[in-house]
PDB file of N, CA and C in Angstrom:
ATOM      1  N   UNK A   1     -59.614 -70.578  70.270  1.00  0.00           N
ATOM      2  CA  UNK A   1     -60.662 -71.123  69.440  1.00  0.00           C
ATOM      3  C   UNK A   1     -60.830 -72.601  69.793  1.00  0.00           C
ATOM      4  N   UNK A   2     -62.076 -73.026  69.926  1.00  0.00           N
ATOM      5  CA  UNK A   2     -62.388 -74.424  70.182  1.00  0.00           C
ATOM      6  C   UNK A   2     -63.092 -74.991  68.960  1.00  0.00           C
ATOM      7  N   UNK A   3     -62.520 -76.022  68.367  1.00  0.00           N
ATOM      8  CA  UNK A   3     -63.110 -76.655  67.186  1.00  0.00           C
ATOM      9  C   UNK A   3     -64.339 -77.442  67.635  1.00  0.00           C
ATOM     10  N   UNK A   4     -65.461 -77.242  66.936  1.00  0.00           N
ATOM     11  CA  UNK A   4     -66.685 -77.964  67.282  1.00  0.00           C
ATOM     12  C   UNK A   4     -67.181 -78.879  66.185  1.00  0.00           C
ATOM     13  N   UNK A   5     -66.668 -78.719  64.941  1.00  0.00           N
ATOM     14  CA  UNK A   5     -67.156 -79.556  63.845  1.00  0.00           C
ATOM     15  C   UNK A   5     -66.238 -79.449  62.642  1.00  0.00           C
ATOM     16  N   UNK A   6     -66.380 -80.414  61.752  1.00  0.00           N
ATOM     17  CA  UNK A   6     -65.736 -80.363  60.447  1.00  0.00           C
ATOM     18  C   UNK A   6     -66.832 -80.567  59.411  1.00  0.00           C
ATOM     19  N   UNK A   7     -66.897 -79.666  58.430  1.00  0.00           N
ATOM     20  CA  UNK A   7     -67.937 -79.750  57.405  1.00  0.00           C
ATOM     21  C   UNK A   7     -67.544 -80.675  56.268  1.00  0.00           C
ATOM     22  N   UNK A   8     -66.253 -80.694  55.951  1.00  0.00           N
ATOM     23  CA  UNK A   8     -65.821 -81.515  54.825  1.00  0.00           C
ATOM     24  C   UNK A   8     -64.324 -81.736  54.876  1.00  0.00           C
ATOM     25  N   UNK A   9     -63.885 -82.718  54.117  1.00  0.00           N
ATOM     26  CA  UNK A   9     -62.456 -82.894  53.893  1.00  0.00           C
ATOM     27  C   UNK A   9     -62.247 -82.813  52.385  1.00  0.00           C
ATOM     28  N   UNK A  10     -61.212 -82.096  51.993  1.00  0.00           N
ATOM     29  CA  UNK A  10     -60.921 -81.869  50.577  1.00  0.00           C
ATOM     30  C   UNK A  10     -59.531 -82.418  50.295  1.00  0.00           C
ATOM     31  N   UNK A  11     -59.448 -83.319  49.333  1.00  0.00           N
ATOM     32  CA  UNK A  11     -58.166 -83.903  48.960  1.00  0.00           C
ATOM     33  C   UNK A  11     -57.783 -83.379  47.584  1.00  0.00           C
ATOM     34  N   UNK A  12     -56.600 -82.783  47.482  1.00  0.00           N
ATOM     35  CA  UNK A  12     -56.103 -82.276  46.207  1.00  0.00           C
ATOM     36  C   UNK A  12     -55.467 -83.446  45.458  1.00  0.00           C
ATOM     37  N   UNK A  13     -55.893 -83.652  44.217  1.00  0.00           N
ATOM     38  CA  UNK A  13     -55.415 -84.785  43.425  1.00  0.00           C
ATOM     39  C   UNK A  13     -54.941 -84.309  42.057  1.00  0.00           C
ATOM     40  N   UNK A  14     -54.139 -85.109  41.398  1.00  0.00           N
ATOM     41  CA  UNK A  14     -53.653 -84.734  40.067  1.00  0.00           C
ATOM     42  C   UNK A  14     -54.638 -85.122  38.968  1.00  0.00           C
ATOM     43  N   UNK A  15     -55.491 -86.119  39.223  1.00  0.00           N
ATOM     44  CA  UNK A  15     -56.455 -86.581  38.223  1.00  0.00           C
ATOM     45  C   UNK A  15     -57.754 -86.924  38.945  1.00  0.00           C
ATOM     46  N   UNK A  16     -58.758 -86.046  38.822  1.00  0.00           N
ATOM     47  CA  UNK A  16     -60.020 -86.227  39.547  1.00  0.00           C
ATOM     48  C   UNK A  16     -60.732 -87.499  39.101  1.00  0.00           C
ATOM     49  N   UNK A  17     -60.795 -87.761  37.811  1.00  0.00           N
ATOM     50  CA  UNK A  17     -61.481 -88.950  37.311  1.00  0.00           C
ATOM     51  C   UNK A  17     -60.875 -90.239  37.834  1.00  0.00           C
ATOM     52  N   UNK A  18     -59.564 -90.329  37.789  1.00  0.00           N
ATOM     53  CA  UNK A  18     -58.877 -91.526  38.282  1.00  0.00           C
ATOM     54  C   UNK A  18     -59.051 -91.667  39.795  1.00  0.00           C
ATOM     55  N   UNK A  19     -59.046 -90.552  40.499  1.00  0.00           N
ATOM     56  CA  UNK A  19     -59.237 -90.577  41.952  1.00  0.00           C
ATOM     57  C   UNK A  19     -60.657 -90.979  42.319  1.00  0.00           C
ATOM     58  N   UNK A  20     -61.645 -90.544  41.518  1.00  0.00           N
ATOM     59  CA  UNK A  20     -63.031 -90.955  41.734  1.00  0.00           C
ATOM     60  C   UNK A  20     -63.151 -92.472  41.561  1.00  0.00           C
ATOM     61  N   UNK A  21     -62.555 -92.982  40.508  1.00  0.00           N
ATOM     62  CA  UNK A  21     -62.608 -94.419  40.237  1.00  0.00           C
ATOM     63  C   UNK A  21     -61.965 -95.207  41.375  1.00  0.00           C
ATOM     64  N   UNK A  22     -60.802 -94.756  41.858  1.00  0.00           N
ATOM     65  CA  UNK A  22     -60.122 -95.407  42.976  1.00  0.00           C
ATOM     66  C   UNK A  22     -61.004 -95.376  44.222  1.00  0.00           C
ATOM     67  N   UNK A  23     -61.607 -94.216  44.506  1.00  0.00           N
ATOM     68  CA  UNK A  23     -62.449 -94.080  45.702  1.00  0.00           C
ATOM     69  C   UNK A  23     -63.624 -95.042  45.669  1.00  0.00           C
ATOM     70  N   UNK A  24     -64.240 -95.170  44.513  1.00  0.00           N
ATOM     71  CA  UNK A  24     -65.404 -96.054  44.387  1.00  0.00           C
ATOM     72  C   UNK A  24     -64.997 -97.534  44.325  1.00  0.00           C
ATOM     73  N   UNK A  25     -64.057 -97.861  43.434  1.00  0.00           N
ATOM     74  CA  UNK A  25     -63.712 -99.270  43.183  1.00  0.00           C
ATOM     75  C   UNK A  25     -62.848 -99.896  44.271  1.00  0.00           C
ATOM     76  N   UNK A  26     -61.881 -99.155  44.787  1.00  0.00           N
ATOM     77  CA  UNK A  26     -60.943 -99.709  45.762  1.00  0.00           C
ATOM     78  C   UNK A  26     -61.380 -99.463  47.206  1.00  0.00           C
ATOM     79  N   UNK A  27     -61.823 -98.231  47.492  1.00  0.00           N
ATOM     80  CA  UNK A  27     -62.209 -97.882  48.863  1.00  0.00           C
ATOM     81  C   UNK A  27     -63.678 -98.172  49.161  1.00  0.00           C
ATOM     82  N   UNK A  28     -64.470 -98.395  48.118  1.00  0.00           N
ATOM     83  CA  UNK A  28     -65.884 -98.698  48.319  1.00  0.00           C
ATOM     84  C   UNK A  28     -66.754 -97.494  48.633  1.00  0.00           C
ATOM     85  N   UNK A  29     -66.300 -96.301  48.302  1.00  0.00           N
ATOM     86  CA  UNK A  29     -67.087 -95.092  48.534  1.00  0.00           C
ATOM     87  C   UNK A  29     -68.292 -95.120  47.602  1.00  0.00           C
ATOM     88  N   UNK A  30     -69.503 -95.169  48.180  1.00  0.00           N
ATOM     89  CA  UNK A  30     -70.713 -95.329  47.367  1.00  0.00           C
ATOM     90  C   UNK A  30     -71.723 -94.210  47.578  1.00  0.00           C
ATOM     91  N   UNK A  31     -71.267 -93.060  48.040  1.00  0.00           N
ATOM     92  CA  UNK A  31     -72.172 -91.932  48.270  1.00  0.00           C
ATOM     93  C   UNK A  31     -72.546 -91.278  46.942  1.00  0.00           C
ATOM     94  N   UNK A  32     -73.724 -90.620  46.890  1.00  0.00           N
ATOM     95  CA  UNK A  32     -74.083 -89.865  45.684  1.00  0.00           C
ATOM     96  C   UNK A  32     -73.033 -88.792  45.394  1.00  0.00           C
ATOM     97  N   UNK A  33     -72.917 -88.438  44.140  1.00  0.00           N
ATOM     98  CA  UNK A  33     -71.902 -87.486  43.690  1.00  0.00           C
ATOM     99  C   UNK A  33     -72.524 -86.132  43.398  1.00  0.00           C
ATOM    100  N   UNK A  34     -71.862 -85.073  43.864  1.00  0.00           N
ATOM    101  CA  UNK A  34     -72.242 -83.699  43.531  1.00  0.00           C
ATOM    102  C   UNK A  34     -71.116 -83.153  42.679  1.00  0.00           C
ATOM    103  N   UNK A  35     -71.416 -82.761  41.443  1.00  0.00           N
ATOM    104  CA  UNK A  35     -70.380 -82.309  40.515  1.00  0.00           C
ATOM    105  C   UNK A  35     -70.315 -80.787  40.474  1.00  0.00           C
ATOM    106  N   UNK A  36     -69.106 -80.272  40.524  1.00  0.00           N
ATOM    107  CA  UNK A  36     -68.849 -78.831  40.449  1.00  0.00           C
ATOM    108  C   UNK A  36     -67.890 -78.540  39.298  1.00  0.00           C
ATOM    109  N   UNK A  37     -68.015 -79.265  38.206  1.00  0.00           N
ATOM    110  CA  UNK A  37     -67.083 -79.123  37.094  1.00  0.00           C
ATOM    111  C   UNK A  37     -66.059 -80.240  37.116  1.00  0.00           C
ATOM    112  N   UNK A  38     -65.178 -80.241  36.124  1.00  0.00           N
ATOM    113  CA  UNK A  38     -64.245 -81.367  36.005  1.00  0.00           C
ATOM    114  C   UNK A  38     -63.147 -81.378  37.058  1.00  0.00           C
ATOM    115  N   UNK A  39     -62.897 -80.245  37.729  1.00  0.00           N
ATOM    116  CA  UNK A  39     -61.811 -80.178  38.712  1.00  0.00           C
ATOM    117  C   UNK A  39     -62.266 -80.235  40.158  1.00  0.00           C
ATOM    118  N   UNK A  40     -63.564 -80.493  40.400  1.00  0.00           N
ATOM    119  CA  UNK A  40     -64.061 -80.554  41.778  1.00  0.00           C
ATOM    120  C   UNK A  40     -65.262 -81.472  41.836  1.00  0.00           C
ATOM    121  N   UNK A  41     -65.206 -82.520  42.669  1.00  0.00           N
ATOM    122  CA  UNK A  41     -66.304 -83.463  42.871  1.00  0.00           C
ATOM    123  C   UNK A  41     -66.469 -83.688  44.371  1.00  0.00           C
ATOM    124  N   UNK A  42     -67.720 -83.668  44.826  1.00  0.00           N
ATOM    125  CA  UNK A  42     -68.047 -83.965  46.226  1.00  0.00           C
ATOM    126  C   UNK A  42     -68.804 -85.276  46.295  1.00  0.00           C
ATOM    127  N   UNK A  43     -68.478 -86.072  47.311  1.00  0.00           N
ATOM    128  CA  UNK A  43     -69.332 -87.194  47.657  1.00  0.00           C
ATOM    129  C   UNK A  43     -70.309 -86.658  48.704  1.00  0.00           C
ATOM    130  N   UNK A  44     -71.596 -86.881  48.518  1.00  0.00           N
ATOM    131  CA  UNK A  44     -72.616 -86.400  49.452  1.00  0.00           C
ATOM    132  C   UNK A  44     -72.666 -87.354  50.633  1.00  0.00           C
ATOM    133  N   UNK A  45     -71.682 -87.241  51.497  1.00  0.00           N
ATOM    134  CA  UNK A  45     -71.502 -88.158  52.628  1.00  0.00           C
ATOM    135  C   UNK A  45     -71.781 -87.438  53.939  1.00  0.00           C
ATOM    136  N   UNK A  46     -72.962 -86.903  54.048  1.00  0.00           N
ATOM    137  CA  UNK A  46     -73.339 -86.110  55.230  1.00  0.00           C
ATOM    138  C   UNK A  46     -73.188 -86.898  56.516  1.00  0.00           C
ATOM    139  N   UNK A  47     -72.838 -86.272  57.602  1.00  0.00           N
ATOM    140  CA  UNK A  47     -72.731 -84.839  57.791  1.00  0.00           C
ATOM    141  C   UNK A  47     -71.393 -84.243  57.358  1.00  0.00           C
ATOM    142  N   UNK A  48     -70.412 -85.078  57.049  1.00  0.00           N
ATOM    143  CA  UNK A  48     -69.105 -84.567  56.634  1.00  0.00           C
ATOM    144  C   UNK A  48     -68.861 -84.969  55.180  1.00  0.00           C
ATOM    145  N   UNK A  49     -68.831 -83.990  54.291  1.00  0.00           N
ATOM    146  CA  UNK A  49     -68.635 -84.265  52.868  1.00  0.00           C
ATOM    147  C   UNK A  49     -67.169 -84.551  52.575  1.00  0.00           C
ATOM    148  N   UNK A  50     -66.934 -85.379  51.579  1.00  0.00           N
ATOM    149  CA  UNK A  50     -65.579 -85.660  51.113  1.00  0.00           C
ATOM    150  C   UNK A  50     -65.473 -85.141  49.686  1.00  0.00           C
ATOM    151  N   UNK A  51     -64.482 -84.317  49.410  1.00  0.00           N
ATOM    152  CA  UNK A  51     -64.328 -83.738  48.082  1.00  0.00           C
ATOM    153  C   UNK A  51     -62.959 -84.078  47.496  1.00  0.00           C
ATOM    154  N   UNK A  52     -62.941 -84.217  46.183  1.00  0.00           N
ATOM    155  CA  UNK A  52     -61.697 -84.392  45.436  1.00  0.00           C
ATOM    156  C   UNK A  52     -61.577 -83.191  44.512  1.00  0.00           C
ATOM    157  N   UNK A  53     -60.413 -82.581  44.480  1.00  0.00           N
ATOM    158  CA  UNK A  53     -60.244 -81.431  43.595  1.00  0.00           C
ATOM    159  C   UNK A  53     -58.875 -81.437  42.963  1.00  0.00           C
ATOM    160  N   UNK A  54     -58.797 -80.792  41.832  1.00  0.00           N
ATOM    161  CA  UNK A  54     -57.521 -80.571  41.162  1.00  0.00           C
ATOM    162  C   UNK A  54     -57.292 -79.076  41.144  1.00  0.00           C
ATOM    163  N   UNK A  55     -56.309 -78.629  41.912  1.00  0.00           N
ATOM    164  CA  UNK A  55     -55.969 -77.207  41.994  1.00  0.00           C
ATOM    165  C   UNK A  55     -54.741 -76.981  41.130  1.00  0.00           C
ATOM    166  N   UNK A  56     -54.951 -76.507  39.901  1.00  0.00           N
ATOM    167  CA  UNK A  56     -53.820 -76.360  38.970  1.00  0.00           C
ATOM    168  C   UNK A  56     -52.817 -75.321  39.406  1.00  0.00           C
ATOM    169  N   UNK A  57     -53.206 -74.412  40.288  1.00  0.00           N
ATOM    170  CA  UNK A  57     -52.278 -73.354  40.714  1.00  0.00           C
ATOM    171  C   UNK A  57     -51.498 -73.721  41.961  1.00  0.00           C
ATOM    172  N   UNK A  58     -51.931 -74.760  42.659  1.00  0.00           N
ATOM    173  CA  UNK A  58     -51.244 -75.136  43.895  1.00  0.00           C
ATOM    174  C   UNK A  58     -51.210 -76.660  44.019  1.00  0.00           C
ATOM    175  N   UNK A  59     -50.428 -77.310  43.178  1.00  0.00           N
ATOM    176  CA  UNK A  59     -50.360 -78.767  43.177  1.00  0.00           C
ATOM    177  C   UNK A  59     -49.685 -79.334  44.417  1.00  0.00           C
ATOM    178  N   UNK A  60     -48.977 -78.510  45.169  1.00  0.00           N
ATOM    179  CA  UNK A  60     -48.317 -79.014  46.373  1.00  0.00           C
ATOM    180  C   UNK A  60     -49.295 -79.166  47.534  1.00  0.00           C
ATOM    181  N   UNK A  61     -50.475 -78.534  47.459  1.00  0.00           N
ATOM    182  CA  UNK A  61     -51.470 -78.671  48.526  1.00  0.00           C
ATOM    183  C   UNK A  61     -52.052 -80.077  48.473  1.00  0.00           C
ATOM    184  N   UNK A  62     -52.015 -80.794  49.568  1.00  0.00           N
ATOM    185  CA  UNK A  62     -52.484 -82.179  49.589  1.00  0.00           C
ATOM    186  C   UNK A  62     -53.910 -82.312  50.107  1.00  0.00           C
ATOM    187  N   UNK A  63     -54.290 -81.531  51.112  1.00  0.00           N
ATOM    188  CA  UNK A  63     -55.626 -81.668  51.687  1.00  0.00           C
ATOM    189  C   UNK A  63     -56.010 -80.405  52.441  1.00  0.00           C
ATOM    190  N   UNK A  64     -57.301 -80.230  52.610  1.00  0.00           N
ATOM    191  CA  UNK A  64     -57.838 -79.135  53.419  1.00  0.00           C
ATOM    192  C   UNK A  64     -58.987 -79.688  54.242  1.00  0.00           C
ATOM    193  N   UNK A  65     -59.043 -79.324  55.499  1.00  0.00           N
ATOM    194  CA  UNK A  65     -60.131 -79.751  56.365  1.00  0.00           C
ATOM    195  C   UNK A  65     -60.688 -78.511  57.059  1.00  0.00           C
ATOM    196  N   UNK A  66     -61.782 -77.940  56.520  1.00  0.00           N
ATOM    197  CA  UNK A  66     -62.387 -76.762  57.167  1.00  0.00           C
ATOM    198  C   UNK A  66     -62.978 -77.152  58.512  1.00  0.00           C
ATOM    199  N   UNK A  67     -62.722 -76.355  59.517  1.00  0.00           N
ATOM    200  CA  UNK A  67     -63.213 -76.630  60.862  1.00  0.00           C
ATOM    201  C   UNK A  67     -64.169 -75.531  61.298  1.00  0.00           C
ATOM    202  N   UNK A  68     -65.210 -75.919  61.997  1.00  0.00           N
ATOM    203  CA  UNK A  68     -66.167 -74.949  62.530  1.00  0.00           C
ATOM    204  C   UNK A  68     -65.845 -74.638  63.969  1.00  0.00           C
ATOM    205  N   UNK A  69     -66.018 -73.382  64.341  1.00  0.00           N
ATOM    206  CA  UNK A  69     -65.770 -72.990  65.719  1.00  0.00           C
ATOM    207  C   UNK A  69     -66.775 -71.927  66.120  1.00  0.00           C
ATOM    208  N   UNK A  70     -66.894 -71.751  67.389  1.00  0.00           N
ATOM    209  CA  UNK A  70     -67.730 -70.688  67.902  1.00  0.00           C
ATOM    210  C   UNK A  70     -66.819 -69.752  68.673  1.00  0.00           C
ATOM    211  N   UNK A  71     -66.694 -68.541  68.180  1.00  0.00           N
ATOM    212  CA  UNK A  71     -65.844 -67.561  68.849  1.00  0.00           C
ATOM    213  C   UNK A  71     -66.503 -67.113  70.140  1.00  0.00           C
ATOM    214  N   UNK A  72     -65.732 -66.969  71.158  1.00  0.00           N
ATOM    215  CA  UNK A  72     -66.247 -66.486  72.432  1.00  0.00           C
ATOM    216  C   UNK A  72     -66.325 -64.974  72.413  1.00  0.00           C
ATOM    217  N   UNK A  73     -67.417 -64.456  72.873  1.00  0.00           N
ATOM    218  CA  UNK A  73     -67.571 -63.001  73.009  1.00  0.00           C
ATOM    219  C   UNK A  73     -67.691 -62.659  74.471  1.00  0.00           C
ATOM    220  N   UNK A  74     -67.228 -61.476  74.809  1.00  0.00           N
ATOM    221  CA  UNK A  74     -67.294 -61.031  76.213  1.00  0.00           C
ATOM    222  C   UNK A  74     -68.247 -59.911  76.359  1.00  0.00           C
TER     223      UNK A  74
END
């Protein structure tokens, strides 16, 4: 498999609100926000979106980076 793109990066956090505040105030992230409920927020930072999520069932997961690929066919 050859990776050709990344659509988004997802960071698992313990407190989405506090992480949003840190991202905006400390890191200067100023992209529009797409809300998917209290446990998932996306920054509309096209072409690669950045998301913060709270996964209550898997707190040990730190991040996910979905990668796009084109499978070769014969």
